[in-house]
């Protein structure tokens, strides 16, 4: 697609697609598409993370939606799943999250959700793309049909109320000290407020956003921050969110970093014991082979989806599974949510630990196969179609056959080629990855 990648639209601020002019067009196109349904007045709700550029992009987006005849509610900073949940509870036609997720502040973008709280499918996105590139004047509504715009100040509290209903009103956190890193992002208000309300002793870091420090040396892409804080404060658990709080990486009481695959494995085992796991688990092409082997050993079905939580959710729906996610910490608890929610996943883990189980014991369920991830910056991702690169990938796969696996793919959000390899034979793995990287460079 021209504008949408694996997770919405994303790029550098004031670049080709991420600027006020384009956000007006995105809003106008999305508004026109939904008002075409000819029902009662259509409604959109908008949330954002804490990036400085949000102040420039949100008004343009709002203007586009209202110009197409949609009513708009703005919520301010709120986690992505909070936006998804409120889109559903408010019975809005469209939910838009202004965020670039785990990227630094100089990027921004959009994630779009339908009235069911699910990310819009490729079909919807393609239809909106057609309208973006068509004549703007055809989408402008008549003066008396313009949409109204209202700011809602209750977004954080409404999100917390929904979370409390999902995890049980009686749930309390007893005798636990937790370190929480909010990545100076969208969860900086809701996450501490929610966890404190349940009775935990909380040490909060990354909760002072200034517009430019989102994800900077903090959050799920920099888990060393919670690692140090957990040790310093002798905490029982560390929780690290990303910029829009749809990811979570954790840390046990010993300072060991716990990634998404390990969280998924522990929850799958827990849910199986409680008889609430449905179908099995959906991972991705990037999921560790150790996770796959572990789940099979426990007679839990495991399916790999394309990289991207939207694709994970699609297979979860199709197969009627209620647990899935990515190594990065995008984890979907289908029993409670339609998309990844770092805070919700953390609460589910805390519920298990609340019975005086050590985090190190809870997460110690499988041995990871050594994995190397490498990102190569490229001018054009089509370099993967070059004969020499294709040949290098084939050569590497032949060398590693029977001892591991290699995955080479285009990034859906950045101008990069992502290379992943897994094997217990590290020397061989490094040799194979070097062969591929050399040709791409």
Protein backbone atom coordinates (compact mmCIF):
# COMPACT_ATOMS: atom_id res chain seq x y z
CA UNK A 1 0.00 0.00 0.00
CA UNK A 2 1.08 3.59 -0.59
CA UNK A 3 0.62 5.08 2.88
CA UNK A 4 -0.19 2.27 5.32
CA UNK A 5 2.44 -0.17 6.59
CA UNK A 6 2.16 -3.16 8.93
CA UNK A 7 0.98 -0.92 11.78
CA UNK A 8 -0.72 2.16 10.36
CA UNK A 9 1.12 5.15 8.91
CA UNK A 10 4.51 6.18 10.29
CA UNK A 11 7.48 8.34 9.35
CA UNK A 12 9.60 11.40 10.09
CA UNK A 13 7.71 14.51 11.18
CA UNK A 14 7.32 17.14 8.45
CA UNK A 15 8.34 14.58 5.85
CA UNK A 16 6.31 13.50 2.81
CA UNK A 17 3.46 11.84 4.75
CA UNK A 18 3.77 13.12 8.32
CA UNK A 19 2.82 16.79 8.19
CA UNK A 20 -0.22 19.00 8.71
CA UNK A 21 -1.25 18.98 5.05
CA UNK A 22 -1.24 15.17 4.83
CA UNK A 23 -2.96 14.73 8.20
CA UNK A 24 -5.76 17.00 6.99
CA UNK A 25 -6.07 14.77 3.92
CA UNK A 26 -5.99 11.60 6.06
CA UNK A 27 -8.76 13.01 8.25
CA UNK A 28 -10.81 14.18 5.29
CA UNK A 29 -10.47 10.83 3.49
CA UNK A 30 -11.29 8.75 6.58
CA UNK A 31 -14.20 11.05 7.41
CA UNK A 32 -15.57 10.87 3.88
CA UNK A 33 -15.28 7.08 3.84
CA UNK A 34 -17.25 6.65 7.06
CA UNK A 35 -19.86 9.34 6.32
CA UNK A 36 -20.56 7.51 3.04
CA UNK A 37 -22.44 4.90 5.08
CA UNK A 38 -25.39 7.35 5.23
CA UNK A 39 -26.34 6.47 8.80
CA UNK A 40 -26.77 8.95 11.65
CA UNK A 41 -23.99 11.46 12.27
CA UNK A 42 -20.65 9.62 12.31
CA UNK A 43 -18.24 10.00 15.24
CA UNK A 44 -14.45 9.73 15.55
CA UNK A 45 -12.37 9.77 18.72
CA UNK A 46 -8.69 10.70 18.79
CA UNK A 47 -5.96 9.96 21.35
CA UNK A 48 -2.22 10.53 21.13
CA UNK A 49 1.07 9.88 22.84
CA UNK A 50 3.32 12.65 24.21
CA UNK A 51 5.31 13.70 21.13
CA UNK A 52 5.77 17.42 20.51
CA UNK A 53 4.53 16.94 16.94
CA UNK A 54 1.14 15.81 18.23
CA UNK A 55 0.25 19.45 18.86
CA UNK A 56 0.78 20.23 15.16
CA UNK A 57 -0.71 17.07 13.66
CA UNK A 58 -3.83 16.59 15.80
CA UNK A 59 -5.53 19.90 14.82
CA UNK A 60 -4.96 19.12 11.13
CA UNK A 61 -6.45 15.64 11.54
CA UNK A 62 -9.43 17.04 13.48
CA UNK A 63 -9.99 19.67 10.80
CA UNK A 64 -10.07 17.02 8.07
CA UNK A 65 -12.55 14.82 9.92
CA UNK A 66 -14.86 17.73 10.81
CA UNK A 67 -14.65 19.07 7.23
CA UNK A 68 -15.95 15.71 6.03
CA UNK A 69 -18.90 15.96 8.43
CA UNK A 70 -17.73 13.77 11.32
CA UNK A 71 -18.15 14.71 14.98
CA UNK A 72 -14.80 14.45 16.78
CA UNK A 73 -13.87 13.83 20.42
CA UNK A 74 -10.23 14.35 21.46
CA UNK A 75 -8.94 12.50 24.52
CA UNK A 76 -5.33 13.68 24.89
CA UNK A 77 -2.54 11.26 25.95
CA UNK A 78 -3.87 7.70 26.33
CA UNK A 79 -2.51 4.19 25.62
CA UNK A 80 -3.40 2.72 22.23
CA UNK A 81 -5.61 0.03 23.73
CA UNK A 82 -7.33 2.68 25.86
CA UNK A 83 -8.29 4.36 22.58
CA UNK A 84 -9.44 1.01 21.14
CA UNK A 85 -11.53 0.23 24.24
CA UNK A 86 -13.15 3.67 24.29
CA UNK A 87 -13.88 3.52 20.54
CA UNK A 88 -15.94 0.46 21.32
CA UNK A 89 -17.55 1.64 24.59
CA UNK A 90 -18.46 5.06 23.15
CA UNK A 91 -19.85 3.37 20.03
CA UNK A 92 -17.71 5.59 17.80
CA UNK A 93 -17.34 4.77 14.13
CA UNK A 94 -13.62 5.40 14.07
CA UNK A 95 -10.76 5.59 16.57
CA UNK A 96 -7.45 7.22 15.64
CA UNK A 97 -4.26 6.99 17.68
CA UNK A 98 -1.58 9.56 16.84
CA UNK A 99 1.68 7.77 17.63
CA UNK A 100 4.87 6.28 16.28
CA UNK A 101 4.85 3.62 19.01
CA UNK A 102 8.41 2.75 20.13
CA UNK A 103 10.14 5.21 17.75
CA UNK A 104 11.84 8.38 19.00
CA UNK A 105 10.08 11.77 19.11
CA UNK A 106 11.11 12.89 15.62
CA UNK A 107 8.74 10.26 14.13
CA UNK A 108 4.96 10.17 14.32
CA UNK A 109 2.04 8.45 12.64
CA UNK A 110 -1.49 7.04 12.87
CA UNK A 111 -3.17 3.81 13.93
CA UNK A 112 -6.81 3.39 12.89
CA UNK A 113 -9.48 1.38 14.71
CA UNK A 114 -13.01 0.45 13.69
CA UNK A 115 -16.15 0.50 15.89
CA UNK A 116 -15.34 -3.03 17.13
CA UNK A 117 -12.03 -1.81 18.58
CA UNK A 118 -10.03 -3.74 15.97
CA UNK A 119 -7.38 -2.23 13.72
CA UNK A 120 -8.78 -1.49 10.28
CA UNK A 121 -8.23 -4.25 7.74
CA UNK A 122 -6.22 -3.85 4.52
CA UNK A 123 -9.50 -3.54 2.63
CA UNK A 124 -10.60 -0.50 4.66
CA UNK A 125 -7.15 1.06 4.46
CA UNK A 126 -6.99 0.64 0.67
CA UNK A 127 -10.39 2.34 0.30
CA UNK A 128 -9.21 5.25 2.44
CA UNK A 129 -5.98 5.49 0.42
CA UNK A 130 -8.00 5.91 -2.80
CA UNK A 131 -9.83 8.85 -1.25
CA UNK A 132 -6.58 10.44 -0.01
CA UNK A 133 -5.31 10.66 -3.58
CA UNK A 134 -8.57 11.90 -5.10
CA UNK A 135 -9.78 15.53 -5.41
CA UNK A 136 -10.04 17.04 -1.91
CA UNK A 137 -12.94 19.31 -2.87
CA UNK A 138 -15.18 16.30 -3.53
CA UNK A 139 -15.00 15.31 0.14
CA UNK A 140 -15.84 18.63 1.80
CA UNK A 141 -19.27 18.68 3.44
CA UNK A 142 -21.79 21.51 3.20
CA UNK A 143 -21.47 24.23 5.85
CA UNK A 144 -24.48 23.10 7.88
CA UNK A 145 -23.22 19.50 7.87
CA UNK A 146 -19.77 20.18 9.33
CA UNK A 147 -18.81 18.07 12.33
CA UNK A 148 -18.50 19.38 15.88
CA UNK A 149 -15.35 18.96 17.99
CA UNK A 150 -15.21 18.40 21.75
CA UNK A 151 -12.39 17.66 24.21
CA UNK A 152 -13.08 14.85 26.72
CA UNK A 153 -11.09 15.09 29.96
CA UNK A 154 -12.26 11.72 31.33
CA UNK A 155 -10.35 9.42 28.95
CA UNK A 156 -7.82 8.14 31.52
CA UNK A 157 -10.46 7.46 34.18
CA UNK A 158 -12.80 5.80 31.67
CA UNK A 159 -9.99 3.51 30.49
CA UNK A 160 -9.09 2.56 34.07
CA UNK A 161 -12.73 1.75 34.83
CA UNK A 162 -12.87 -0.63 31.86
CA UNK A 163 -9.61 -2.30 32.95
CA UNK A 164 -10.89 -2.82 36.50
CA UNK A 165 -14.04 -4.48 35.20
CA UNK A 166 -11.97 -6.85 33.10
CA UNK A 167 -9.52 -7.91 35.81
CA UNK A 168 -12.11 -8.18 38.66
CA UNK A 169 -13.15 -5.40 41.01
CA UNK A 170 -11.98 -7.43 44.01
CA UNK A 171 -8.38 -7.73 42.79
CA UNK A 172 -5.80 -6.10 45.08
CA UNK A 173 -1.99 -6.13 44.94
CA UNK A 174 -0.58 -7.28 48.27
CA UNK A 175 2.97 -6.81 49.57
CA UNK A 176 4.50 -6.19 46.16
CA UNK A 177 7.02 -3.53 45.19
CA UNK A 178 6.94 -2.78 41.47
CA UNK A 179 9.12 -0.60 39.23
CA UNK A 180 7.17 0.94 36.35
CA UNK A 181 8.80 2.66 33.36
CA UNK A 182 6.24 4.62 31.32
CA UNK A 183 8.72 5.53 28.53
CA UNK A 184 7.67 9.19 28.95
CA UNK A 185 4.79 8.15 26.72
CA UNK A 186 1.05 7.67 26.47
CA UNK A 187 0.76 5.57 29.63
CA UNK A 188 2.44 8.07 31.97
CA UNK A 189 -0.87 8.96 33.68
CA UNK A 190 -3.02 5.84 33.41
CA UNK A 191 -0.45 3.13 34.25
CA UNK A 192 0.75 4.53 37.63
CA UNK A 193 -2.78 5.54 38.59
CA UNK A 194 -4.14 2.07 37.83
CA UNK A 195 -1.42 0.10 39.64
CA UNK A 196 -1.38 2.41 42.68
CA UNK A 197 -5.17 2.12 42.99
CA UNK A 198 -4.73 -1.64 43.50
CA UNK A 199 -2.43 -1.19 46.48
CA UNK A 200 1.07 -1.78 45.09
CA UNK A 201 4.20 -0.07 46.33
CA UNK A 202 5.26 1.65 43.15
CA UNK A 203 8.50 3.19 41.92
CA UNK A 204 7.74 5.15 38.75
CA UNK A 205 10.29 6.26 36.14
CA UNK A 206 9.83 7.65 32.64
CA UNK A 207 6.73 9.60 33.69
CA UNK A 208 7.88 13.15 32.93
CA UNK A 209 7.28 13.66 29.21
CA UNK A 210 8.54 16.91 27.70
CA UNK A 211 7.63 16.28 24.06
CA UNK A 212 11.08 15.06 23.02
CA UNK A 213 12.05 12.38 25.58
CA UNK A 214 9.52 9.69 24.61
CA UNK A 215 11.32 6.29 24.35
CA UNK A 216 14.68 8.05 24.85
CA UNK A 217 16.90 5.73 26.90
CA UNK A 218 13.82 4.36 28.62
CA UNK A 219 10.82 2.10 28.07
CA UNK A 220 10.57 -1.32 26.48
CA UNK A 221 13.35 -0.68 23.94
CA UNK A 222 15.75 0.25 26.77
CA UNK A 223 14.91 -2.25 29.56
CA UNK A 224 18.23 -1.68 31.36
CA UNK A 225 16.46 1.21 33.08
CA UNK A 226 14.05 -1.08 34.96
CA UNK A 227 16.81 -3.65 35.44
CA UNK A 228 18.88 -1.13 37.42
CA UNK A 229 15.88 0.25 39.30
CA UNK A 230 14.58 -3.19 40.32
CA UNK A 231 17.96 -4.06 41.84
CA UNK A 232 18.36 -0.67 43.51
CA UNK A 233 14.87 -0.70 45.04
CA UNK A 234 14.79 -4.46 45.77
CA UNK A 235 11.53 -4.71 43.85
CA UNK A 236 9.60 -7.89 43.04
CA UNK A 237 8.91 -6.97 39.40
CA UNK A 238 9.83 -4.44 36.73
CA UNK A 239 7.38 -3.30 34.03
CA UNK A 240 8.53 -1.35 30.99
CA UNK A 241 6.02 0.09 28.50
CA UNK A 242 6.72 1.70 25.14
CA UNK A 243 5.64 5.09 23.79
CA UNK A 244 2.00 4.21 23.15
CA UNK A 245 1.90 1.53 25.90
CA UNK A 246 0.85 -1.34 23.62
CA UNK A 247 4.11 -3.20 24.37
CA UNK A 248 5.56 -4.47 27.62
CA UNK A 249 8.94 -5.91 28.55
CA UNK A 250 9.48 -7.09 32.13
CA UNK A 251 12.23 -7.77 34.63
CA UNK A 252 12.23 -10.31 37.47
CA UNK A 253 13.47 -9.69 41.02
CA UNK A 254 17.00 -10.72 40.03
CA UNK A 255 17.21 -8.16 37.25
CA UNK A 256 16.72 -10.66 34.42
CA UNK A 257 15.00 -9.11 31.39
CA UNK A 258 11.84 -10.95 30.28
CA UNK A 259 10.75 -10.51 26.65
CA UNK A 260 7.38 -11.02 24.98
CA UNK A 261 7.97 -14.70 24.13
CA UNK A 262 8.73 -15.51 27.77
CA UNK A 263 5.66 -13.60 28.99
CA UNK A 264 3.47 -15.42 26.45
CA UNK A 265 4.84 -18.82 27.51
CA UNK A 266 4.22 -18.14 31.22
CA UNK A 267 0.68 -16.84 30.61
CA UNK A 268 -0.15 -19.75 28.26
CA UNK A 269 0.84 -22.22 30.97
CA UNK A 270 -1.10 -20.25 33.60
CA UNK A 271 -4.21 -20.00 31.43
CA UNK A 272 -4.06 -23.70 30.55
CA UNK A 273 -3.98 -24.59 34.25
CA UNK A 274 -6.94 -22.29 34.90
CA UNK A 275 -8.71 -23.75 31.83
CA UNK A 276 -9.20 -20.36 30.20
CA UNK A 277 -6.79 -20.83 27.27
CA UNK A 278 -8.79 -21.23 24.06
CA UNK A 279 -7.37 -22.96 20.98
CA UNK A 280 -3.71 -22.19 21.54
CA UNK A 281 -1.17 -19.42 20.95
CA UNK A 282 -0.43 -17.28 17.89
CA UNK A 283 3.15 -16.03 17.54
CA UNK A 284 4.97 -14.54 14.56
CA UNK A 285 7.78 -15.45 12.19
CA UNK A 286 10.07 -13.76 14.74
CA UNK A 287 8.92 -15.82 17.73
CA UNK A 288 11.74 -17.80 19.33
CA UNK A 289 11.99 -21.46 18.34
CA UNK A 290 12.31 -22.29 22.04
CA UNK A 291 8.78 -20.95 22.59
CA UNK A 292 7.42 -23.16 19.82
CA UNK A 293 9.12 -26.27 21.27
CA UNK A 294 7.91 -25.47 24.80
CA UNK A 295 4.27 -24.99 23.79
CA UNK A 296 4.30 -28.23 21.78
CA UNK A 297 5.75 -30.06 24.79
CA UNK A 298 2.77 -28.82 26.82
CA UNK A 299 0.36 -29.86 24.06
CA UNK A 300 -0.54 -26.24 23.32
CA UNK A 301 -1.11 -25.45 19.63
CA UNK A 302 1.20 -22.81 18.16
CA UNK A 303 0.73 -20.92 14.88
CA UNK A 304 3.05 -18.32 13.33
CA UNK A 305 1.60 -15.17 11.74
CA UNK A 306 3.30 -12.48 9.69
CA UNK A 307 5.11 -9.87 11.79
CA UNK A 308 2.69 -7.28 13.17
CA UNK A 309 0.10 -7.53 15.94
CA UNK A 310 -2.69 -6.89 13.41
CA UNK A 311 -1.81 -10.15 11.64
CA UNK A 312 -1.59 -11.96 14.98
CA UNK A 313 -5.09 -10.76 15.85
CA UNK A 314 -6.49 -11.79 12.46
CA UNK A 315 -5.33 -15.40 12.97
CA UNK A 316 -6.51 -15.36 16.59
CA UNK A 317 -9.98 -14.43 15.35
CA UNK A 318 -9.94 -16.94 12.52
CA UNK A 319 -8.77 -19.84 14.70
CA UNK A 320 -10.66 -18.65 17.82
CA UNK A 321 -7.47 -18.48 19.92
CA UNK A 322 -7.39 -16.03 22.84
CA UNK A 323 -3.65 -15.52 23.37
CA UNK A 324 -1.03 -14.26 20.96
CA UNK A 325 1.75 -11.78 20.48
CA UNK A 326 5.26 -10.86 19.53
CA UNK A 327 8.71 -11.13 21.05
CA UNK A 328 8.81 -7.31 21.16
CA UNK A 329 6.14 -7.31 23.86
CA UNK A 330 3.05 -6.74 21.71
CA UNK A 331 0.78 -9.24 23.48
CA UNK A 332 -2.95 -9.61 22.86
CA UNK A 333 -5.07 -11.06 25.64
CA UNK A 334 -8.09 -11.98 23.52
CA UNK A 335 -10.11 -12.68 26.66
CA UNK A 336 -9.93 -8.97 27.51
CA UNK A 337 -8.76 -6.85 24.57
CA UNK A 338 -8.71 -6.43 20.78
CA UNK A 339 -5.12 -5.18 20.55
CA UNK A 340 -1.87 -5.12 22.51
CA UNK A 341 -1.98 -3.50 25.96
CA UNK A 342 1.20 -3.45 28.05
CA UNK A 343 -0.61 -2.40 31.22
CA UNK A 344 -3.27 -5.09 30.89
CA UNK A 345 -0.64 -7.79 30.32
CA UNK A 346 1.30 -6.54 33.35
CA UNK A 347 -1.83 -6.75 35.51
CA UNK A 348 -2.43 -10.34 34.39
CA UNK A 349 1.15 -11.23 35.39
CA UNK A 350 0.78 -9.43 38.74
CA UNK A 351 -2.37 -11.46 39.46
CA UNK A 352 -0.31 -14.65 39.13
CA UNK A 353 2.58 -13.29 41.24
CA UNK A 354 0.22 -11.96 43.88
CA UNK A 355 -0.03 -15.50 45.24
CA UNK A 356 3.55 -15.09 46.52
CA UNK A 357 5.19 -16.61 43.45
CA UNK A 358 8.59 -15.15 42.56
CA UNK A 359 8.76 -13.55 39.12
CA UNK A 360 11.90 -15.58 38.32
CA UNK A 361 10.00 -18.83 38.97
CA UNK A 362 6.90 -17.70 37.07
CA UNK A 363 8.85 -16.81 33.92
CA UNK A 364 11.33 -19.70 34.00
CA UNK A 365 9.37 -22.04 31.73
CA UNK A 366 11.49 -22.54 28.60
CA UNK A 367 15.04 -22.17 27.34
CA UNK A 368 15.39 -19.68 24.53
CA UNK A 369 17.21 -20.69 21.36
CA UNK A 370 20.04 -18.14 20.88
CA UNK A 371 18.78 -15.47 18.50
CA UNK A 372 20.57 -12.65 16.69
CA UNK A 373 18.63 -9.68 15.33
CA UNK A 374 20.19 -7.17 12.96
CA UNK A 375 18.76 -4.15 11.16
CA UNK A 376 20.32 -2.81 7.96
CA UNK A 377 19.48 0.74 6.85
CA UNK A 378 18.69 0.85 3.13
CA UNK A 379 17.63 3.49 0.62
CA UNK A 380 15.26 1.08 -1.10
CA UNK A 381 13.77 -2.08 0.44
CA UNK A 382 13.49 -3.62 -3.04
CA UNK A 383 17.15 -4.55 -2.67
CA UNK A 384 15.77 -7.89 -1.40
CA UNK A 385 14.71 -8.61 -4.97
CA UNK A 386 18.30 -8.37 -6.30
CA UNK A 387 19.71 -11.68 -7.56
CA UNK A 388 22.89 -11.37 -5.51
CA UNK A 389 20.91 -10.83 -2.28
CA UNK A 390 18.49 -13.69 -3.05
CA UNK A 391 21.49 -15.94 -3.73
CA UNK A 392 23.17 -14.96 -0.43
CA UNK A 393 19.99 -15.80 1.52
CA UNK A 394 19.80 -19.22 -0.18
CA UNK A 395 23.48 -19.88 0.60
CA UNK A 396 22.99 -18.94 4.27
CA UNK A 397 19.89 -21.14 4.58
CA UNK A 398 21.74 -24.12 3.12
CA UNK A 399 24.59 -23.66 5.60
CA UNK A 400 22.30 -23.46 8.63
CA UNK A 401 19.82 -26.14 7.54
CA UNK A 402 19.08 -28.58 10.37
CA UNK A 403 20.81 -26.38 12.94
CA UNK A 404 18.65 -23.28 12.97
CA UNK A 405 16.64 -20.84 10.86
CA UNK A 406 17.07 -17.43 9.20
CA UNK A 407 14.41 -14.83 8.41
CA UNK A 408 15.05 -11.78 6.21
CA UNK A 409 12.23 -9.28 5.74
CA UNK A 410 11.38 -5.68 4.97
CA UNK A 411 10.48 -3.48 7.92
CA UNK A 412 6.87 -2.36 7.75
CA UNK A 413 7.57 0.90 9.61
CA UNK A 414 11.11 2.01 8.71
CA UNK A 415 13.49 2.00 5.71
CA UNK A 416 15.32 -1.05 6.98
CA UNK A 417 15.89 -4.71 6.21
CA UNK A 418 15.48 -6.86 9.32
CA UNK A 419 17.62 -10.00 9.59
CA UNK A 420 16.94 -12.62 12.26
CA UNK A 421 18.75 -15.88 12.87
CA UNK A 422 18.38 -18.64 15.47
CA UNK A 423 20.78 -21.47 16.29
CA UNK A 424 22.72 -22.99 19.17
CA UNK A 425 25.74 -22.91 16.85
CA UNK A 426 26.51 -19.20 17.29
CA UNK A 427 29.66 -19.17 15.14
CA UNK A 428 27.81 -20.72 12.20
CA UNK A 429 24.88 -18.34 12.72
CA UNK A 430 27.12 -15.27 12.68
CA UNK A 431 28.81 -16.53 9.51
CA UNK A 432 25.43 -16.97 7.76
CA UNK A 433 24.15 -13.53 8.79
CA UNK A 434 27.41 -11.94 7.64
CA UNK A 435 26.96 -13.45 4.16
CA UNK A 436 23.52 -11.83 3.82
CA UNK A 437 24.41 -8.49 5.41
CA UNK A 438 27.47 -8.10 3.18
CA UNK A 439 25.37 -8.42 0.01
CA UNK A 440 22.67 -6.04 1.27
CA UNK A 441 25.32 -3.44 2.16
